[in-house]
Amino acid sequence: MKWLARLITHGAALLLGIALGIFLLPILIQEQPPSASELSGVQTNASYVAEFDRNRSGSDLLHWGEGMLYFAPDTVAFAGDLAPGPDYRLYLSPVYVENEEQFLANKDKMVEIGNINSFKGFMLPLPEHLDISRYTTAIVWCESFNQFISSGRYQ
């Protein structure tokens, strides 16, 4: 009977450790967010702006984004906060998306901009020859777990 209790307690401790590792590792290895002056440069040259908030139908307590996304001619910058998590990516979509089902149904029409490695703001270069006016919505997506984080419409 002792072996069963040990198996249960050690198994629970192992599962808790794995869950904490998945949550904490991205926080520990995240890159420095862009400085206020770097963000300001993109903000003043922005041709499009999207607002991210926690009230998307696909967002929840552990998966959310809150802030503003700015599109300058060659850079996209986010000033705000994202819930920590692994393997976040920024996508642009030609249709409005605010949950996992909509994202998966339209992923083949989207363009991936890049990896997000900071949860307190980020900057990514826009691919050359990308016409962002062909898209309407920016989405933060967790690639590892196929999880919607947040989105914002910019046109």
Protein backbone atom coordinates (compact mmCIF):
# COMPACT_ATOMS: atom_id res chain seq x y z
CA MET A 1 0.00 0.00 0.00
CA LYS A 2 2.92 2.37 0.68
CA TRP A 3 4.15 1.90 -2.87
CA LEU A 4 0.78 3.06 -4.22
CA ALA A 5 0.83 6.20 -2.08
CA ARG A 6 4.41 6.94 -3.19
CA LEU A 7 3.50 6.36 -6.81
CA ILE A 8 0.59 8.79 -6.55
CA THR A 9 2.51 11.50 -4.67
CA HIS A 10 5.64 11.22 -6.82
CA GLY A 11 3.53 11.18 -9.99
CA ALA A 12 1.66 14.29 -8.84
CA ALA A 13 4.97 16.04 -8.04
CA LEU A 14 6.31 15.11 -11.47
CA LEU A 15 3.22 16.47 -13.23
CA LEU A 16 3.36 19.67 -11.20
CA GLY A 17 7.05 20.09 -12.08
CA ILE A 18 6.35 19.64 -15.78
CA ALA A 19 3.46 22.12 -15.67
CA LEU A 20 5.58 24.70 -13.83
CA GLY A 21 8.42 24.17 -16.31
CA ILE A 22 6.13 24.78 -19.28
CA PHE A 23 4.85 27.97 -17.63
CA LEU A 24 8.13 29.35 -16.20
CA LEU A 25 10.69 28.46 -18.88
CA PRO A 26 9.39 31.00 -21.44
CA ILE A 27 9.48 33.70 -18.75
CA LEU A 28 13.05 32.85 -17.79
CA ILE A 29 14.40 32.80 -21.35
CA GLN A 30 12.42 35.67 -22.87
CA GLU A 31 14.31 38.39 -24.71
CA GLN A 32 14.47 41.98 -23.53
CA PRO A 33 11.45 43.93 -24.78
CA PRO A 34 12.09 46.89 -27.06
CA SER A 35 12.93 50.19 -25.39
CA ALA A 36 10.47 53.05 -25.20
CA SER A 37 12.45 54.98 -27.82
CA GLU A 38 12.43 52.00 -30.23
CA LEU A 39 8.66 51.64 -29.79
CA SER A 40 8.18 55.37 -30.19
CA GLY A 41 9.96 55.32 -33.55
CA VAL A 42 7.57 52.67 -34.87
CA GLN A 43 4.53 54.37 -33.31
CA THR A 44 5.22 57.70 -35.01
CA ASN A 45 5.67 56.02 -38.41
CA ALA A 46 2.74 53.63 -38.08
CA SER A 47 0.32 53.38 -40.96
CA TYR A 48 -1.92 50.86 -39.14
CA VAL A 49 -2.73 50.22 -35.48
CA ALA A 50 -4.47 47.23 -33.86
CA GLU A 51 -5.73 46.98 -30.30
CA PHE A 52 -5.38 43.72 -28.38
CA ASP A 53 -7.57 43.14 -25.32
CA ARG A 54 -8.51 40.30 -23.00
CA ASN A 55 -12.12 40.15 -24.24
CA ARG A 56 -11.62 38.01 -27.34
CA SER A 57 -13.85 34.94 -27.38
CA GLY A 58 -10.78 32.67 -27.63
CA SER A 59 -8.83 34.34 -24.82
CA ASP A 60 -9.00 33.14 -21.23
CA LEU A 61 -7.21 33.46 -17.88
CA LEU A 62 -3.98 31.87 -19.22
CA HIS A 63 -4.13 33.00 -22.88
CA TRP A 64 -4.52 36.74 -23.49
CA GLY A 65 -2.91 39.86 -24.88
CA GLU A 66 -3.44 43.49 -23.98
CA GLY A 67 -1.92 46.49 -25.75
CA MET A 68 -1.39 48.17 -29.11
CA LEU A 69 0.26 46.79 -32.25
CA TYR A 70 1.83 49.30 -34.65
CA PHE A 71 2.71 48.71 -38.31
CA ALA A 72 5.47 50.92 -39.72
CA PRO A 73 6.67 50.41 -43.31
CA ASP A 74 9.21 47.70 -42.42
CA THR A 75 8.52 46.86 -38.75
CA VAL A 76 5.68 45.78 -36.52
CA ALA A 77 5.86 46.61 -32.80
CA PHE A 78 3.68 45.65 -29.85
CA ALA A 79 3.43 47.86 -26.78
CA GLY A 80 1.65 45.89 -24.08
CA ASP A 81 1.55 42.56 -22.28
CA LEU A 82 1.03 38.96 -23.34
CA ALA A 83 0.30 36.03 -21.05
CA PRO A 84 3.57 34.06 -20.84
CA GLY A 85 3.81 30.92 -22.92
CA PRO A 86 5.99 28.98 -25.31
CA ASP A 87 6.41 29.31 -29.05
CA TYR A 88 4.28 32.39 -29.76
CA ARG A 89 4.00 33.55 -33.37
CA LEU A 90 2.52 36.63 -35.00
CA TYR A 91 0.23 36.02 -37.99
CA LEU A 92 -1.68 38.35 -40.30
CA SER A 93 -5.10 37.26 -41.55
CA PRO A 94 -7.34 38.60 -44.32
CA VAL A 95 -10.39 37.84 -42.12
CA TYR A 96 -11.12 38.77 -38.54
CA VAL A 97 -10.19 35.97 -36.12
CA GLU A 98 -10.80 35.89 -32.38
CA ASN A 99 -10.66 32.21 -31.38
CA GLU A 100 -8.93 28.90 -32.09
CA GLU A 101 -11.60 27.52 -34.42
CA GLN A 102 -11.54 30.62 -36.64
CA PHE A 103 -7.74 30.61 -36.68
CA LEU A 104 -7.49 26.96 -37.74
CA ALA A 105 -10.20 27.41 -40.39
CA ASN A 106 -8.31 30.32 -41.98
CA LYS A 107 -4.63 29.49 -41.30
CA ASP A 108 -3.96 28.62 -44.96
CA LYS A 109 -4.88 32.23 -45.92
CA MET A 110 -2.58 33.79 -43.31
CA VAL A 111 1.03 34.91 -43.38
CA GLU A 112 3.39 34.26 -40.47
CA ILE A 113 5.43 37.31 -39.54
CA GLY A 114 7.75 35.78 -36.93
CA ASN A 115 8.46 34.42 -33.47
CA ILE A 116 7.52 36.43 -30.40
CA ASN A 117 10.15 36.08 -27.68
CA SER A 118 9.06 38.71 -25.15
CA PHE A 119 5.84 39.16 -23.19
CA LYS A 120 6.25 42.87 -22.36
CA GLY A 121 6.29 44.14 -25.93
CA PHE A 122 8.09 43.05 -29.07
CA MET A 123 9.35 44.24 -32.44
CA LEU A 124 9.55 42.16 -35.61
CA PRO A 125 10.72 43.03 -39.10
CA LEU A 126 8.04 42.79 -41.77
CA PRO A 127 8.94 40.55 -44.71
CA GLU A 128 10.03 42.42 -47.83
CA HIS A 129 7.33 42.80 -50.47
CA LEU A 130 4.55 41.99 -47.97
CA ASP A 131 1.49 44.10 -48.66
CA ILE A 132 -0.07 44.38 -45.20
CA SER A 133 -3.10 46.15 -46.69
CA ARG A 134 -4.17 42.71 -48.03
CA TYR A 135 -4.77 41.64 -44.40
CA THR A 136 -7.04 42.99 -41.68
CA THR A 137 -6.14 41.25 -38.45
CA ALA A 138 -3.03 40.42 -36.44
CA ILE A 139 -3.09 37.26 -34.30
CA VAL A 140 -0.80 35.98 -31.56
CA TRP A 141 -0.85 32.18 -31.67
CA CYS A 142 0.92 29.50 -29.60
CA GLU A 143 2.29 27.09 -32.20
CA SER A 144 3.31 24.34 -29.74
CA PHE A 145 -0.15 23.91 -28.25
CA ASN A 146 -2.34 25.21 -31.10
CA GLN A 147 -3.71 27.82 -28.73
CA PHE A 148 -5.22 31.21 -29.58
CA ILE A 149 -3.74 33.99 -27.45
CA SER A 150 -5.20 37.25 -28.79
CA SER A 151 -5.92 39.29 -31.89
CA GLY A 152 -6.52 42.81 -33.08
CA ARG A 153 -8.11 44.25 -36.19
CA TYR A 154 -6.09 46.99 -37.86
CA GLN A 155 -8.35 47.75 -40.82
